[in-house]
Amino acid sequence: MQSLEAELETARSLAVSELADAIESIGFECTRCGACCKADDDDPHTATIFPDEIRDIQQTHEYDWRDVARPMPYGLDDGAGETFEWAIQTTGCGDCSFYVEKDGVGACSIHDDRPLICQTYPFSVALGGTSQPMGEAVDQAGMVRAHECEGLGRDISREEAEALAAALKERAIRELEEAIGVRDNYTGTTPDDGDIVVHDSEGAKQGDGTPVDR
């Protein structure tokens, strides 16, 4: 297995045109079904969001940190303990808190500022250290993986494919940079009973995004 640094160099060297070729060969058009924004059966919508993306949405839309993000739930016990990274905030029914629907047509209330993982769904890059949203891939072309989505297989213009490919490359780079930052900044922190500590690339934070006092 390659180191995260080696994977990062590979991500930086990816050719957008080749990623676009792969996206074109798979095909994609968003049908606005909202499936990627909703809870999956009993599992809440869970998508990684970077710390700076949280702040950008906060500032643009005047939200609090907790309005935008929640601690990644994996590894937590009744919402307490130690975890890594942030997930987009959800509603009481488990859907993305920014998802809106009218007459069966879905939309994003922060569409122009949505995180990279949302901009690039249903695709990911086949590199270690990058995420595979919504489960395992259902198709792959070159370095591009496609995940379950009813919009797959539809015609996509070259312009749209290249824009998606550029965002996909940026996301792969950012995910690996974040993973390296988490690794390098991690120091074991034992939360008090009922509390939570989130480790991201900037260090240890409380559930509201404020740094943990050491």
N, C-alpha and C. Protein backbone atom coordinates (compact mmCIF):
# COMPACT_ATOMS: atom_id res chain seq x y z
N MET A 1 0.84 -1.20 0.00
CA MET A 1 0.00 0.00 0.00
C MET A 1 0.88 1.25 0.00
N GLN A 2 0.55 2.19 -0.87
CA GLN A 2 1.33 3.41 -0.95
C GLN A 2 1.08 4.30 0.27
N SER A 3 2.06 5.13 0.59
CA SER A 3 1.87 6.10 1.66
C SER A 3 0.88 7.16 1.22
N LEU A 4 0.33 7.89 2.18
CA LEU A 4 -0.58 8.97 1.85
C LEU A 4 0.12 10.03 1.01
N GLU A 5 1.39 10.27 1.28
CA GLU A 5 2.14 11.26 0.51
C GLU A 5 2.27 10.83 -0.95
N ALA A 6 2.52 9.54 -1.17
CA ALA A 6 2.63 9.04 -2.54
C ALA A 6 1.29 9.13 -3.26
N GLU A 7 0.21 8.80 -2.55
CA GLU A 7 -1.12 8.90 -3.14
C GLU A 7 -1.44 10.36 -3.48
N LEU A 8 -1.00 11.28 -2.61
CA LEU A 8 -1.24 12.70 -2.86
C LEU A 8 -0.53 13.15 -4.13
N GLU A 9 0.70 12.71 -4.32
CA GLU A 9 1.43 13.07 -5.54
C GLU A 9 0.72 12.51 -6.78
N THR A 10 0.19 11.30 -6.66
CA THR A 10 -0.57 10.72 -7.76
C THR A 10 -1.81 11.56 -8.06
N ALA A 11 -2.51 11.98 -7.00
CA ALA A 11 -3.71 12.80 -7.18
C ALA A 11 -3.37 14.11 -7.86
N ARG A 12 -2.26 14.73 -7.46
CA ARG A 12 -1.86 16.01 -8.05
C ARG A 12 -1.49 15.86 -9.52
N SER A 13 -1.07 14.66 -9.92
CA SER A 13 -0.64 14.46 -11.30
C SER A 13 -1.77 13.97 -12.21
N LEU A 14 -2.96 13.77 -11.66
CA LEU A 14 -4.08 13.31 -12.48
C LEU A 14 -4.39 14.32 -13.58
N ALA A 15 -4.66 13.81 -14.77
CA ALA A 15 -5.03 14.67 -15.90
C ALA A 15 -6.54 14.86 -15.91
N VAL A 16 -6.98 16.10 -15.82
CA VAL A 16 -8.41 16.39 -15.83
C VAL A 16 -9.06 15.84 -17.10
N SER A 17 -8.36 15.93 -18.22
CA SER A 17 -8.94 15.45 -19.48
C SER A 17 -9.20 13.94 -19.43
N GLU A 18 -8.32 13.19 -18.77
CA GLU A 18 -8.52 11.74 -18.67
C GLU A 18 -9.66 11.41 -17.70
N LEU A 19 -9.77 12.18 -16.64
CA LEU A 19 -10.89 11.99 -15.73
C LEU A 19 -12.20 12.30 -16.45
N ALA A 20 -12.18 13.35 -17.26
CA ALA A 20 -13.38 13.72 -18.03
C ALA A 20 -13.74 12.63 -19.03
N ASP A 21 -12.72 12.03 -19.67
CA ASP A 21 -12.98 10.92 -20.59
C ASP A 21 -13.71 9.79 -19.87
N ALA A 22 -13.24 9.48 -18.66
CA ALA A 22 -13.85 8.39 -17.88
C ALA A 22 -15.29 8.73 -17.50
N ILE A 23 -15.51 9.97 -17.09
CA ILE A 23 -16.87 10.39 -16.72
C ILE A 23 -17.79 10.32 -17.93
N GLU A 24 -17.29 10.75 -19.09
CA GLU A 24 -18.09 10.68 -20.32
C GLU A 24 -18.43 9.23 -20.66
N SER A 25 -17.47 8.32 -20.47
CA SER A 25 -17.71 6.92 -20.84
C SER A 25 -18.75 6.28 -19.93
N ILE A 26 -18.80 6.70 -18.68
CA ILE A 26 -19.80 6.19 -17.74
C ILE A 26 -21.14 6.88 -17.98
N GLY A 27 -21.08 8.20 -18.12
CA GLY A 27 -22.29 8.99 -18.35
C GLY A 27 -22.98 9.38 -17.06
N PHE A 28 -23.50 10.60 -17.03
CA PHE A 28 -24.20 11.05 -15.83
C PHE A 28 -25.01 12.32 -16.10
N GLU A 29 -26.21 12.35 -15.53
CA GLU A 29 -27.02 13.55 -15.49
C GLU A 29 -27.82 13.52 -14.19
N CYS A 30 -27.75 14.58 -13.41
CA CYS A 30 -28.50 14.63 -12.16
C CYS A 30 -29.99 14.69 -12.46
N THR A 31 -30.76 13.77 -11.87
CA THR A 31 -32.21 13.74 -12.07
C THR A 31 -32.95 14.47 -10.95
N ARG A 32 -32.19 14.99 -9.97
CA ARG A 32 -32.75 15.71 -8.82
C ARG A 32 -33.74 14.84 -8.04
N CYS A 33 -33.38 13.55 -7.94
CA CYS A 33 -34.21 12.63 -7.18
C CYS A 33 -34.02 12.81 -5.67
N GLY A 34 -32.86 13.35 -5.28
CA GLY A 34 -32.59 13.60 -3.87
C GLY A 34 -32.07 12.41 -3.09
N ALA A 35 -31.88 11.27 -3.76
CA ALA A 35 -31.45 10.07 -3.04
C ALA A 35 -30.11 10.25 -2.33
N CYS A 36 -29.20 11.03 -2.93
CA CYS A 36 -27.88 11.21 -2.33
C CYS A 36 -27.90 12.21 -1.17
N CYS A 37 -29.05 12.84 -0.94
CA CYS A 37 -29.16 13.83 0.13
C CYS A 37 -30.02 13.33 1.30
N LYS A 38 -30.62 12.15 1.11
CA LYS A 38 -31.57 11.65 2.10
C LYS A 38 -30.97 10.51 2.91
N ALA A 39 -31.61 10.24 4.05
CA ALA A 39 -31.24 9.09 4.86
C ALA A 39 -31.48 7.82 4.05
N ASP A 40 -30.63 6.82 4.29
CA ASP A 40 -30.75 5.54 3.60
C ASP A 40 -31.35 4.53 4.58
N ASP A 41 -32.63 4.23 4.43
CA ASP A 41 -33.35 3.38 5.38
C ASP A 41 -33.21 3.98 6.77
N ASP A 42 -32.54 3.26 7.68
CA ASP A 42 -32.41 3.76 9.05
C ASP A 42 -31.08 4.50 9.27
N ASP A 43 -30.27 4.60 8.22
CA ASP A 43 -28.96 5.24 8.34
C ASP A 43 -29.05 6.69 7.91
N PRO A 44 -28.66 7.64 8.78
CA PRO A 44 -28.70 9.05 8.38
C PRO A 44 -27.71 9.36 7.27
N HIS A 45 -28.01 10.40 6.51
CA HIS A 45 -27.10 10.88 5.47
C HIS A 45 -25.76 11.23 6.14
N THR A 46 -24.67 10.67 5.61
CA THR A 46 -23.35 10.90 6.20
C THR A 46 -22.35 11.21 5.10
N ALA A 47 -21.92 12.47 5.00
CA ALA A 47 -20.97 12.89 3.98
C ALA A 47 -19.93 13.80 4.62
N THR A 48 -18.67 13.55 4.35
CA THR A 48 -17.58 14.31 4.94
C THR A 48 -17.54 15.74 4.43
N ILE A 49 -17.27 16.67 5.33
CA ILE A 49 -17.10 18.07 4.96
C ILE A 49 -15.83 18.59 5.62
N PHE A 50 -15.02 19.35 4.88
CA PHE A 50 -13.75 19.86 5.39
C PHE A 50 -13.97 21.06 6.31
N PRO A 51 -13.07 21.29 7.26
CA PRO A 51 -13.22 22.42 8.19
C PRO A 51 -13.39 23.76 7.49
N ASP A 52 -12.60 24.01 6.44
CA ASP A 52 -12.72 25.31 5.77
C ASP A 52 -14.03 25.43 4.99
N GLU A 53 -14.57 24.29 4.52
CA GLU A 53 -15.87 24.32 3.86
C GLU A 53 -16.97 24.69 4.86
N ILE A 54 -16.83 24.18 6.09
CA ILE A 54 -17.79 24.52 7.14
C ILE A 54 -17.77 26.03 7.38
N ARG A 55 -16.57 26.60 7.51
CA ARG A 55 -16.45 28.04 7.78
C ARG A 55 -16.98 28.87 6.63
N ASP A 56 -16.72 28.43 5.40
CA ASP A 56 -17.22 29.18 4.23
C ASP A 56 -18.75 29.23 4.24
N ILE A 57 -19.39 28.11 4.52
CA ILE A 57 -20.85 28.07 4.57
C ILE A 57 -21.36 28.90 5.74
N GLN A 58 -20.67 28.81 6.87
CA GLN A 58 -21.03 29.64 8.03
C GLN A 58 -21.07 31.12 7.67
N GLN A 59 -19.99 31.58 7.07
CA GLN A 59 -19.85 33.00 6.80
C GLN A 59 -20.83 33.48 5.72
N THR A 60 -21.03 32.66 4.70
CA THR A 60 -21.90 33.06 3.60
C THR A 60 -23.37 33.07 4.01
N HIS A 61 -23.75 32.10 4.83
CA HIS A 61 -25.16 31.93 5.16
C HIS A 61 -25.49 32.27 6.61
N GLU A 62 -24.49 32.75 7.35
CA GLU A 62 -24.67 33.17 8.74
C GLU A 62 -25.23 32.04 9.61
N TYR A 63 -24.59 30.87 9.48
CA TYR A 63 -24.95 29.72 10.29
C TYR A 63 -23.94 29.55 11.43
N ASP A 64 -24.34 28.85 12.48
CA ASP A 64 -23.41 28.39 13.49
C ASP A 64 -22.74 27.12 12.98
N TRP A 65 -21.60 26.77 13.58
CA TRP A 65 -20.87 25.57 13.19
C TRP A 65 -21.79 24.34 13.21
N ARG A 66 -22.55 24.19 14.28
CA ARG A 66 -23.42 23.02 14.43
C ARG A 66 -24.57 23.00 13.41
N ASP A 67 -24.90 24.16 12.85
CA ASP A 67 -25.92 24.19 11.79
C ASP A 67 -25.40 23.52 10.52
N VAL A 68 -24.08 23.59 10.34
CA VAL A 68 -23.46 23.11 9.11
C VAL A 68 -22.94 21.68 9.24
N ALA A 69 -22.36 21.35 10.38
CA ALA A 69 -21.67 20.07 10.51
C ALA A 69 -21.92 19.42 11.86
N ARG A 70 -21.72 18.12 11.87
CA ARG A 70 -21.81 17.33 13.10
C ARG A 70 -20.58 16.43 13.17
N PRO A 71 -20.20 16.00 14.34
CA PRO A 71 -19.07 15.07 14.43
C PRO A 71 -19.38 13.79 13.65
N MET A 72 -18.39 13.28 12.94
CA MET A 72 -18.58 12.02 12.24
C MET A 72 -19.02 10.96 13.25
N PRO A 73 -20.14 10.29 12.99
CA PRO A 73 -20.71 9.41 14.03
C PRO A 73 -19.95 8.13 14.28
N TYR A 74 -19.10 7.70 13.35
CA TYR A 74 -18.46 6.40 13.49
C TYR A 74 -17.53 6.37 14.70
N GLY A 75 -17.70 5.38 15.54
CA GLY A 75 -16.85 5.22 16.72
C GLY A 75 -17.40 5.87 17.97
N LEU A 76 -18.45 6.68 17.83
CA LEU A 76 -19.03 7.35 18.99
C LEU A 76 -20.01 6.42 19.70
N ASP A 77 -20.16 6.62 20.98
CA ASP A 77 -21.09 5.85 21.80
C ASP A 77 -22.14 6.80 22.35
N ASP A 78 -23.37 6.72 21.82
CA ASP A 78 -24.43 7.64 22.23
C ASP A 78 -24.02 9.10 22.06
N GLY A 79 -23.31 9.37 20.94
CA GLY A 79 -22.93 10.73 20.63
C GLY A 79 -21.77 11.28 21.42
N ALA A 80 -21.07 10.43 22.13
CA ALA A 80 -19.93 10.88 22.94
C ALA A 80 -18.69 10.06 22.61
N GLY A 81 -17.52 10.62 22.94
CA GLY A 81 -16.28 9.91 22.72
C GLY A 81 -15.35 10.66 21.78
N GLU A 82 -14.54 9.92 21.06
CA GLU A 82 -13.50 10.48 20.19
C GLU A 82 -13.75 10.02 18.76
N THR A 83 -13.73 10.95 17.80
CA THR A 83 -13.96 10.58 16.42
C THR A 83 -13.07 11.41 15.50
N PHE A 84 -13.12 11.11 14.21
CA PHE A 84 -12.30 11.80 13.22
C PHE A 84 -13.19 12.41 12.14
N GLU A 85 -12.96 13.68 11.86
CA GLU A 85 -13.62 14.41 10.78
C GLU A 85 -15.06 14.79 11.11
N TRP A 86 -15.63 15.59 10.17
CA TRP A 86 -16.96 16.14 10.30
C TRP A 86 -17.87 15.64 9.19
N ALA A 87 -19.14 15.53 9.50
CA ALA A 87 -20.14 15.16 8.50
C ALA A 87 -21.13 16.32 8.35
N ILE A 88 -21.71 16.45 7.17
CA ILE A 88 -22.72 17.48 6.95
C ILE A 88 -23.88 17.26 7.92
N GLN A 89 -24.38 18.34 8.48
CA GLN A 89 -25.46 18.25 9.46
C GLN A 89 -26.72 17.64 8.84
N THR A 90 -27.49 16.95 9.67
CA THR A 90 -28.72 16.31 9.20
C THR A 90 -29.93 16.79 10.00
N THR A 91 -31.09 16.54 9.44
CA THR A 91 -32.35 16.86 10.10
C THR A 91 -32.72 15.73 11.05
N GLY A 92 -33.83 15.89 11.75
CA GLY A 92 -34.28 14.86 12.67
C GLY A 92 -34.59 13.54 11.99
N CYS A 93 -34.94 13.58 10.70
CA CYS A 93 -35.23 12.34 9.98
C CYS A 93 -34.01 11.78 9.26
N GLY A 94 -32.86 12.43 9.44
CA GLY A 94 -31.61 11.91 8.89
C GLY A 94 -31.23 12.41 7.52
N ASP A 95 -32.04 13.30 6.93
CA ASP A 95 -31.68 13.87 5.63
C ASP A 95 -30.68 15.01 5.81
N CYS A 96 -29.95 15.35 4.75
CA CYS A 96 -29.06 16.51 4.78
C CYS A 96 -29.89 17.74 5.15
N SER A 97 -29.38 18.53 6.05
CA SER A 97 -30.15 19.69 6.54
C SER A 97 -30.32 20.76 5.47
N PHE A 98 -29.57 20.68 4.37
CA PHE A 98 -29.67 21.67 3.30
C PHE A 98 -30.53 21.19 2.14
N TYR A 99 -31.08 19.98 2.26
CA TYR A 99 -31.91 19.43 1.19
C TYR A 99 -33.34 19.96 1.30
N VAL A 100 -33.85 20.41 0.17
CA VAL A 100 -35.24 20.86 0.10
C VAL A 100 -35.91 20.15 -1.07
N GLU A 101 -37.20 19.96 -0.95
CA GLU A 101 -37.92 19.23 -1.99
C GLU A 101 -39.29 19.87 -2.21
N LYS A 102 -39.64 20.01 -3.47
CA LYS A 102 -40.95 20.55 -3.82
C LYS A 102 -41.51 19.77 -4.98
N ASP A 103 -42.70 19.22 -4.78
CA ASP A 103 -43.36 18.43 -5.83
C ASP A 103 -42.47 17.29 -6.32
N GLY A 104 -41.74 16.67 -5.38
CA GLY A 104 -40.91 15.52 -5.72
C GLY A 104 -39.59 15.84 -6.38
N VAL A 105 -39.28 17.12 -6.54
CA VAL A 105 -38.02 17.53 -7.16
C VAL A 105 -37.09 18.08 -6.08
N GLY A 106 -35.89 17.52 -5.99
CA GLY A 106 -34.95 17.91 -4.94
C GLY A 106 -34.07 19.07 -5.34
N ALA A 107 -33.59 19.77 -4.34
CA ALA A 107 -32.67 20.90 -4.56
C ALA A 107 -31.83 21.10 -3.31
N CYS A 108 -30.75 21.84 -3.46
CA CYS A 108 -29.84 22.15 -2.36
C CYS A 108 -29.97 23.64 -2.03
N SER A 109 -30.24 23.94 -0.77
CA SER A 109 -30.44 25.34 -0.38
C SER A 109 -29.14 26.14 -0.35
N ILE A 110 -27.99 25.45 -0.43
CA ILE A 110 -26.68 26.13 -0.49
C ILE A 110 -25.94 25.68 -1.75
N HIS A 111 -26.65 25.47 -2.83
CA HIS A 111 -26.11 24.82 -4.02
C HIS A 111 -24.78 25.42 -4.48
N ASP A 112 -24.69 26.75 -4.54
CA ASP A 112 -23.47 27.39 -5.04
C ASP A 112 -22.29 27.23 -4.07
N ASP A 113 -22.57 26.86 -2.83
CA ASP A 113 -21.51 26.73 -1.81
C ASP A 113 -21.41 25.31 -1.28
N ARG A 114 -22.02 24.36 -1.95
CA ARG A 114 -22.03 22.98 -1.44
C ARG A 114 -20.62 22.40 -1.44
N PRO A 115 -20.36 21.48 -0.50
CA PRO A 115 -19.01 20.90 -0.38
C PRO A 115 -18.61 20.10 -1.62
N LEU A 116 -17.32 19.86 -1.75
CA LEU A 116 -16.80 19.13 -2.91
C LEU A 116 -17.40 17.74 -3.04
N ILE A 117 -17.67 17.08 -1.92
CA ILE A 117 -18.22 15.73 -2.01
C ILE A 117 -19.59 15.75 -2.66
N CYS A 118 -20.33 16.85 -2.47
CA CYS A 118 -21.64 16.99 -3.10
C CYS A 118 -21.49 17.39 -4.57
N GLN A 119 -20.52 18.24 -4.85
CA GLN A 119 -20.30 18.68 -6.23
C GLN A 119 -19.93 17.51 -7.14
N THR A 120 -19.27 16.50 -6.59
CA THR A 120 -18.70 15.43 -7.41
C THR A 120 -19.48 14.12 -7.37
N TYR A 121 -20.50 14.03 -6.51
CA TYR A 121 -21.27 12.79 -6.45
C TYR A 121 -21.97 12.55 -7.79
N PRO A 122 -22.01 11.33 -8.33
CA PRO A 122 -21.71 10.04 -7.69
C PRO A 122 -20.32 9.47 -8.00
N PHE A 123 -19.33 10.33 -8.19
CA PHE A 123 -18.00 9.84 -8.58
C PHE A 123 -16.98 10.00 -7.46
N SER A 124 -15.96 9.17 -7.51
CA SER A 124 -14.80 9.31 -6.64
C SER A 124 -13.58 8.82 -7.40
N VAL A 125 -12.40 9.10 -6.87
CA VAL A 125 -11.15 8.69 -7.50
C VAL A 125 -10.60 7.46 -6.79
N ALA A 126 -10.16 6.49 -7.56
CA ALA A 126 -9.69 5.22 -7.01
C ALA A 126 -8.26 5.35 -6.48
N LEU A 127 -8.14 6.03 -5.35
CA LEU A 127 -6.86 6.18 -4.67
C LEU A 127 -7.05 5.85 -3.19
N GLY A 128 -6.06 5.20 -2.59
CA GLY A 128 -6.11 4.97 -1.16
C GLY A 128 -6.10 6.30 -0.42
N GLY A 129 -6.87 6.39 0.66
CA GLY A 129 -6.93 7.63 1.42
C GLY A 129 -8.03 8.57 0.99
N THR A 130 -8.74 8.22 -0.10
CA THR A 130 -9.88 9.03 -0.53
C THR A 130 -11.16 8.27 -0.18
N SER A 131 -12.27 8.99 -0.11
CA SER A 131 -13.52 8.39 0.35
C SER A 131 -14.31 7.76 -0.78
N GLN A 132 -15.15 6.80 -0.41
CA GLN A 132 -16.10 6.20 -1.33
C GLN A 132 -17.50 6.49 -0.78
N PRO A 133 -18.12 7.58 -1.18
CA PRO A 133 -19.42 7.93 -0.62
C PRO A 133 -20.51 6.95 -1.01
N MET A 134 -21.46 6.74 -0.11
CA MET A 134 -22.64 5.91 -0.39
C MET A 134 -22.25 4.48 -0.80
N GLY A 135 -21.24 3.92 -0.15
CA GLY A 135 -20.93 2.51 -0.38
C GLY A 135 -19.97 2.25 -1.53
N GLU A 136 -19.84 0.98 -1.86
CA GLU A 136 -18.88 0.54 -2.85
C GLU A 136 -19.28 1.03 -4.26
N ALA A 137 -18.29 1.04 -5.15
CA ALA A 137 -18.52 1.48 -6.52
C ALA A 137 -19.37 0.47 -7.28
N VAL A 138 -20.19 0.96 -8.20
CA VAL A 138 -20.99 0.09 -9.05
C VAL A 138 -20.45 0.07 -10.48
N ASP A 139 -19.50 0.97 -10.78
CA ASP A 139 -18.88 1.01 -12.10
C ASP A 139 -17.54 1.72 -11.95
N GLN A 140 -16.63 1.48 -12.88
CA GLN A 140 -15.34 2.17 -12.84
C GLN A 140 -14.77 2.27 -14.24
N ALA A 141 -14.17 3.42 -14.54
CA ALA A 141 -13.47 3.64 -15.80
C ALA A 141 -12.16 4.33 -15.47
N GLY A 142 -11.05 3.68 -15.75
CA GLY A 142 -9.76 4.25 -15.38
C GLY A 142 -9.69 4.48 -13.88
N MET A 143 -9.36 5.72 -13.48
CA MET A 143 -9.25 6.06 -12.07
C MET A 143 -10.57 6.52 -11.46
N VAL A 144 -11.63 6.57 -12.25
CA VAL A 144 -12.90 7.11 -11.77
C VAL A 144 -13.86 5.99 -11.38
N ARG A 145 -14.33 6.06 -10.15
CA ARG A 145 -15.35 5.12 -9.66
C ARG A 145 -16.71 5.81 -9.68
N ALA A 146 -17.74 5.05 -10.00
CA ALA A 146 -19.12 5.56 -9.97
C ALA A 146 -19.89 4.81 -8.90
N HIS A 147 -20.66 5.56 -8.11
CA HIS A 147 -21.43 4.98 -7.03
C HIS A 147 -22.92 5.05 -7.35
N GLU A 148 -23.69 4.27 -6.63
CA GLU A 148 -25.10 4.10 -6.96
C GLU A 148 -25.82 5.43 -7.15
N CYS A 149 -26.46 5.59 -8.30
CA CYS A 149 -27.20 6.81 -8.61
C CYS A 149 -28.02 6.56 -9.87
N GLU A 150 -29.30 6.97 -9.85
CA GLU A 150 -30.14 6.73 -11.02
C GLU A 150 -29.75 7.58 -12.22
N GLY A 151 -28.89 8.59 -12.01
CA GLY A 151 -28.47 9.44 -13.11
C GLY A 151 -27.31 8.89 -13.91
N LEU A 152 -26.71 7.77 -13.47
CA LEU A 152 -25.60 7.16 -14.22
C LEU A 152 -26.09 6.63 -15.57
N GLY A 153 -25.17 6.66 -16.55
CA GLY A 153 -25.48 6.12 -17.87
C GLY A 153 -26.15 7.11 -18.80
N ARG A 154 -26.36 8.31 -18.34
CA ARG A 154 -27.00 9.33 -19.18
C ARG A 154 -25.94 10.19 -19.87
N ASP A 155 -26.29 10.80 -20.98
CA ASP A 155 -25.35 11.63 -21.73
C ASP A 155 -24.92 12.83 -20.89
N ILE A 156 -23.65 13.17 -21.01
CA ILE A 156 -23.10 14.35 -20.34
C ILE A 156 -22.25 15.11 -21.36
N SER A 157 -22.36 16.42 -21.38
CA SER A 157 -21.57 17.20 -22.33
C SER A 157 -20.11 17.21 -21.92
N ARG A 158 -19.23 17.50 -22.89
CA ARG A 158 -17.81 17.56 -22.58
C ARG A 158 -17.53 18.66 -21.58
N GLU A 159 -18.18 19.78 -21.72
CA GLU A 159 -17.96 20.89 -20.80
C GLU A 159 -18.33 20.50 -19.37
N GLU A 160 -19.47 19.84 -19.21
CA GLU A 160 -19.89 19.40 -17.87
C GLU A 160 -18.96 18.33 -17.33
N ALA A 161 -18.51 17.42 -18.19
CA ALA A 161 -17.61 16.36 -17.77
C ALA A 161 -16.28 16.93 -17.29
N GLU A 162 -15.77 17.94 -17.98
CA GLU A 162 -14.49 18.53 -17.59
C GLU A 162 -14.63 19.33 -16.28
N ALA A 163 -15.75 20.02 -16.09
CA ALA A 163 -15.97 20.74 -14.83
C ALA A 163 -16.07 19.76 -13.67
N LEU A 164 -16.76 18.67 -13.88
CA LEU A 164 -16.89 17.64 -12.85
C LEU A 164 -15.55 16.98 -12.57
N ALA A 165 -14.78 16.74 -13.62
CA ALA A 165 -13.46 16.13 -13.47
C ALA A 165 -12.52 17.03 -12.68
N ALA A 166 -12.55 18.33 -12.95
CA ALA A 166 -11.69 19.27 -12.22
C ALA A 166 -12.04 19.28 -10.73
N ALA A 167 -13.34 19.27 -10.43
CA ALA A 167 -13.77 19.23 -9.03
C ALA A 167 -13.40 17.91 -8.37
N LEU A 168 -13.48 16.83 -9.14
CA LEU A 168 -13.14 15.51 -8.62
C LEU A 168 -11.65 15.42 -8.28
N LYS A 169 -10.80 15.98 -9.14
CA LYS A 169 -9.37 16.01 -8.84
C LYS A 169 -9.10 16.85 -7.60
N GLU A 170 -9.73 18.02 -7.52
CA GLU A 170 -9.54 18.88 -6.35
C GLU A 170 -9.96 18.16 -5.08
N ARG A 171 -11.08 17.45 -5.14
CA ARG A 171 -11.55 16.73 -3.95
C ARG A 171 -10.57 15.65 -3.53
N ALA A 172 -10.04 14.89 -4.50
CA ALA A 172 -9.08 13.83 -4.18
C ALA A 172 -7.86 14.41 -3.48
N ILE A 173 -7.36 15.53 -4.00
CA ILE A 173 -6.20 16.19 -3.39
C ILE A 173 -6.54 16.64 -1.98
N ARG A 174 -7.69 17.28 -1.82
CA ARG A 174 -8.09 17.80 -0.52
C ARG A 174 -8.30 16.68 0.50
N GLU A 175 -8.88 15.57 0.07
CA GLU A 175 -9.09 14.44 0.99
C GLU A 175 -7.77 13.88 1.49
N LEU A 176 -6.79 13.79 0.60
CA LEU A 176 -5.49 13.26 1.01
C LEU A 176 -4.73 14.26 1.88
N GLU A 177 -4.82 15.54 1.55
CA GLU A 177 -4.20 16.56 2.40
C GLU A 177 -4.83 16.54 3.79
N GLU A 178 -6.13 16.37 3.84
CA GLU A 178 -6.83 16.31 5.13
C GLU A 178 -6.40 15.09 5.92
N ALA A 179 -6.30 13.94 5.25
CA ALA A 179 -5.89 12.71 5.93
C ALA A 179 -4.48 12.84 6.51
N ILE A 180 -3.58 13.46 5.74
CA ILE A 180 -2.23 13.68 6.23
C ILE A 180 -2.24 14.64 7.42
N GLY A 181 -3.05 15.70 7.34
CA GLY A 181 -3.15 16.65 8.43
C GLY A 181 -3.71 16.02 9.70
N VAL A 182 -4.72 15.17 9.55
CA VAL A 182 -5.28 14.47 10.72
C VAL A 182 -4.21 13.61 11.36
N ARG A 183 -3.49 12.86 10.54
CA ARG A 183 -2.43 11.98 11.06
C ARG A 183 -1.35 12.78 11.79
N ASP A 184 -0.92 13.87 11.17
CA ASP A 184 0.21 14.62 11.74
C ASP A 184 -0.18 15.44 12.97
N ASN A 185 -1.46 15.83 13.07
CA ASN A 185 -1.89 16.67 14.19
C ASN A 185 -2.57 15.88 15.30
N TYR A 186 -2.69 14.57 15.12
CA TYR A 186 -3.42 13.78 16.12
C TYR A 186 -2.59 13.60 17.40
N THR A 187 -3.22 13.90 18.48
CA THR A 187 -2.68 13.56 19.80
C THR A 187 -3.84 12.97 20.58
N GLY A 188 -3.63 11.83 21.17
CA GLY A 188 -4.71 11.17 21.88
C GLY A 188 -5.32 12.08 22.94
N THR A 189 -6.62 12.24 22.90
CA THR A 189 -7.32 13.09 23.86
C THR A 189 -8.49 12.29 24.41
N THR A 190 -8.54 12.14 25.70
CA THR A 190 -9.63 11.40 26.33
C THR A 190 -10.73 12.36 26.74
N PRO A 191 -11.89 12.28 26.10
CA PRO A 191 -12.98 13.20 26.46
C PRO A 191 -13.51 12.90 27.86
N ASP A 192 -14.02 13.93 28.52
CA ASP A 192 -14.74 13.70 29.76
C ASP A 192 -16.01 12.92 29.45
N ASP A 193 -16.57 12.28 30.46
CA ASP A 193 -17.80 11.50 30.26
C ASP A 193 -18.88 12.36 29.62
N GLY A 194 -19.46 11.85 28.56
CA GLY A 194 -20.54 12.56 27.88
C GLY A 194 -20.08 13.61 26.89
N ASP A 195 -18.77 13.87 26.83
CA ASP A 195 -18.24 14.87 25.90
C ASP A 195 -17.74 14.20 24.63
N ILE A 196 -17.31 15.03 23.69
CA ILE A 196 -16.84 14.54 22.41
C ILE A 196 -15.61 15.32 21.98
N VAL A 197 -14.70 14.64 21.31
CA VAL A 197 -13.53 15.28 20.70
C VAL A 197 -13.48 14.84 19.25
N VAL A 198 -13.37 15.83 18.35
CA VAL A 198 -13.27 15.55 16.92
C VAL A 198 -11.87 15.93 16.45
N HIS A 199 -11.20 14.99 15.81
CA HIS A 199 -9.86 15.24 15.28
C HIS A 199 -9.97 15.50 13.78
N ASP A 200 -9.57 16.70 13.36
CA ASP A 200 -9.48 16.99 11.93
C ASP A 200 -8.06 17.48 11.63
N SER A 201 -7.84 17.98 10.42
CA SER A 201 -6.48 18.37 10.02
C SER A 201 -5.93 19.55 10.81
N GLU A 202 -6.81 20.25 11.53
CA GLU A 202 -6.39 21.43 12.29
C GLU A 202 -6.15 21.11 13.76
N GLY A 203 -6.44 19.88 14.15
CA GLY A 203 -6.23 19.49 15.54
C GLY A 203 -7.52 18.99 16.18
N ALA A 204 -7.52 18.95 17.51
CA ALA A 204 -8.68 18.45 18.26
C ALA A 204 -9.67 19.56 18.51
N LYS A 205 -10.96 19.26 18.28
CA LYS A 205 -12.02 20.25 18.48
C LYS A 205 -13.14 19.65 19.30
N GLN A 206 -13.91 20.54 19.92
CA GLN A 206 -15.14 20.16 20.57
C GLN A 206 -16.24 20.02 19.50
N GLY A 207 -17.40 19.55 19.91
CA GLY A 207 -18.48 19.32 18.98
C GLY A 207 -19.00 20.56 18.30
N ASP A 208 -18.71 21.74 18.87
CA ASP A 208 -19.15 23.00 18.25
C ASP A 208 -18.06 23.63 17.39
N GLY A 209 -16.97 22.87 17.17
CA GLY A 209 -15.89 23.37 16.31
C GLY A 209 -14.82 24.17 16.99
N THR A 210 -14.96 24.44 18.29
CA THR A 210 -13.93 25.20 19.00
C THR A 210 -12.79 24.27 19.41
N PRO A 211 -11.55 24.79 19.40
CA PRO A 211 -10.41 23.93 19.75
C PRO A 211 -10.49 23.40 21.16
N VAL A 212 -9.99 22.22 21.37
CA VAL A 212 -9.92 21.61 22.70
C VAL A 212 -8.76 22.23 23.45
N ASP A 213 -9.02 22.70 24.68
CA ASP A 213 -7.96 23.24 25.51
C ASP A 213 -7.15 22.08 26.08
N ARG A 214 -5.85 22.18 25.91
CA ARG A 214 -4.97 21.13 26.46
C ARG A 214 -4.22 21.68 27.68
